[in-house]
Amino acid sequence: MEKHIVHYGPVAEALAAFRAQGHTADFHLDADGVAWKGGKYMPEELKIVDMYRYEGDSDPDEEASVYALVSREGIKGTLVTGYGISSETSYQQLLERLEWKE
């Protein structure tokens, strides 16, 4: 499968593009899973559809990854995480459990 690479400007631009594709739920990491207003998922219950990594030009605090995710039930949403120096080990372990959708 050939990957189509898109370069977005700021994180908000990537979020807007993913929302336009139907990824409207706002996911966030918590201590033991991925939560949203409708509940919580374990990482194994979600698949990565797309991802964009944003690297700040001069400030490491501007580095982020924007994920487009889909649940087994078809709930589509986005997850924004920091990476590099600002990311927490426990959250990195949760992210490593997410798999790409084939």
Protein backbone atom coordinates (compact mmCIF):
# COMPACT_ATOMS: atom_id res chain seq x y z
CA MET A 1 0.00 0.00 0.00
CA GLU A 2 1.43 3.36 -1.01
CA LYS A 3 1.37 6.10 1.63
CA HIS A 4 0.29 9.58 0.60
CA ILE A 5 2.33 12.15 2.53
CA VAL A 6 0.76 15.52 3.30
CA HIS A 7 2.61 18.40 4.94
CA TYR A 8 0.42 20.55 7.14
CA GLY A 9 1.28 23.93 8.62
CA PRO A 10 0.33 24.29 12.28
CA VAL A 11 -1.26 21.52 14.32
CA ALA A 12 -4.66 23.21 13.92
CA GLU A 13 -4.42 22.71 10.15
CA ALA A 14 -3.84 18.97 10.55
CA LEU A 15 -6.75 18.75 13.00
CA ALA A 16 -9.03 20.59 10.57
CA ALA A 17 -8.07 18.24 7.74
CA PHE A 18 -8.74 15.15 9.87
CA ARG A 19 -12.06 16.57 11.08
CA ALA A 20 -13.06 17.14 7.45
CA GLN A 21 -12.44 13.40 6.95
CA GLY A 22 -14.92 12.61 9.76
CA HIS A 23 -12.53 12.36 12.71
CA THR A 24 -14.65 14.48 15.06
CA ALA A 25 -14.18 12.85 18.50
CA ASP A 26 -11.53 14.47 20.69
CA PHE A 27 -9.42 11.68 22.17
CA HIS A 28 -6.88 12.23 24.95
CA LEU A 29 -4.51 9.98 26.85
CA ASP A 30 -5.17 9.23 30.49
CA ALA A 31 -3.46 6.94 32.97
CA ASP A 32 -4.61 3.67 31.43
CA GLY A 33 -6.13 4.31 28.03
CA VAL A 34 -7.51 6.74 25.48
CA ALA A 35 -10.51 8.69 26.75
CA TRP A 36 -13.15 10.87 25.11
CA LYS A 37 -16.52 12.30 26.12
CA GLY A 38 -18.20 8.99 25.19
CA GLY A 39 -15.99 6.80 27.38
CA LYS A 40 -12.59 5.18 27.23
CA TYR A 41 -10.75 2.76 24.97
CA MET A 42 -7.76 0.58 25.55
CA PRO A 43 -5.11 1.23 22.88
CA GLU A 44 -5.79 -2.20 21.34
CA GLU A 45 -9.37 -1.12 20.61
CA LEU A 46 -8.21 1.72 18.31
CA LYS A 47 -6.35 1.82 15.01
CA ILE A 48 -4.24 4.61 13.55
CA VAL A 49 -5.66 5.75 10.20
CA ASP A 50 -3.22 8.59 9.65
CA MET A 51 -0.64 10.58 11.59
CA TYR A 52 1.15 13.85 11.17
CA ARG A 53 4.22 14.83 13.17
CA TYR A 54 4.68 18.55 13.61
CA GLU A 55 8.13 19.82 14.50
CA GLY A 56 8.43 23.36 15.83
CA ASP A 57 11.09 25.37 14.05
CA SER A 58 12.81 26.67 17.15
CA ASP A 59 10.90 25.54 20.23
CA PRO A 60 10.88 21.84 21.26
CA ASP A 61 7.65 22.53 23.19
CA GLU A 62 5.92 23.02 19.82
CA GLU A 63 6.62 19.43 18.74
CA ALA A 64 3.52 17.27 18.51
CA SER A 65 1.99 14.28 16.80
CA VAL A 66 -1.58 14.41 15.52
CA TYR A 67 -3.24 11.01 15.11
CA ALA A 68 -6.43 10.18 13.21
CA LEU A 69 -7.89 7.14 15.00
CA VAL A 70 -10.85 4.83 14.50
CA SER A 71 -12.41 2.46 17.04
CA ARG A 72 -13.74 -1.04 16.38
CA GLU A 73 -17.25 0.45 16.40
CA GLY A 74 -16.32 3.09 13.83
CA ILE A 75 -15.89 6.08 16.16
CA LYS A 76 -13.42 8.40 14.40
CA GLY A 77 -11.40 11.00 16.25
CA THR A 78 -8.11 12.76 16.73
CA LEU A 79 -5.42 12.54 19.38
CA VAL A 80 -2.73 15.18 19.83
CA THR A 81 0.38 14.29 21.81
CA GLY A 82 3.68 15.94 22.56
CA TYR A 83 6.84 14.03 21.83
CA GLY A 84 10.52 14.27 22.53
CA ILE A 85 11.54 15.92 25.78
CA SER A 86 7.97 16.82 26.77
CA SER A 87 6.44 13.34 26.46
CA GLU A 88 5.87 11.15 29.49
CA THR A 89 7.10 7.55 29.55
CA SER A 90 3.70 6.11 30.59
CA TYR A 91 1.98 7.86 27.69
CA GLN A 92 4.66 6.68 25.26
CA GLN A 93 3.98 3.10 26.36
CA LEU A 94 0.27 3.56 25.63
CA LEU A 95 1.02 5.03 22.20
CA GLU A 96 3.28 2.10 21.33
CA ARG A 97 0.27 -0.20 21.75
CA LEU A 98 -1.66 1.56 18.97
CA GLU A 99 -1.51 -0.26 15.64
CA TRP A 100 -1.93 1.03 12.10
CA LYS A 101 -5.13 0.18 10.27
CA GLU A 102 -4.44 -1.95 7.20
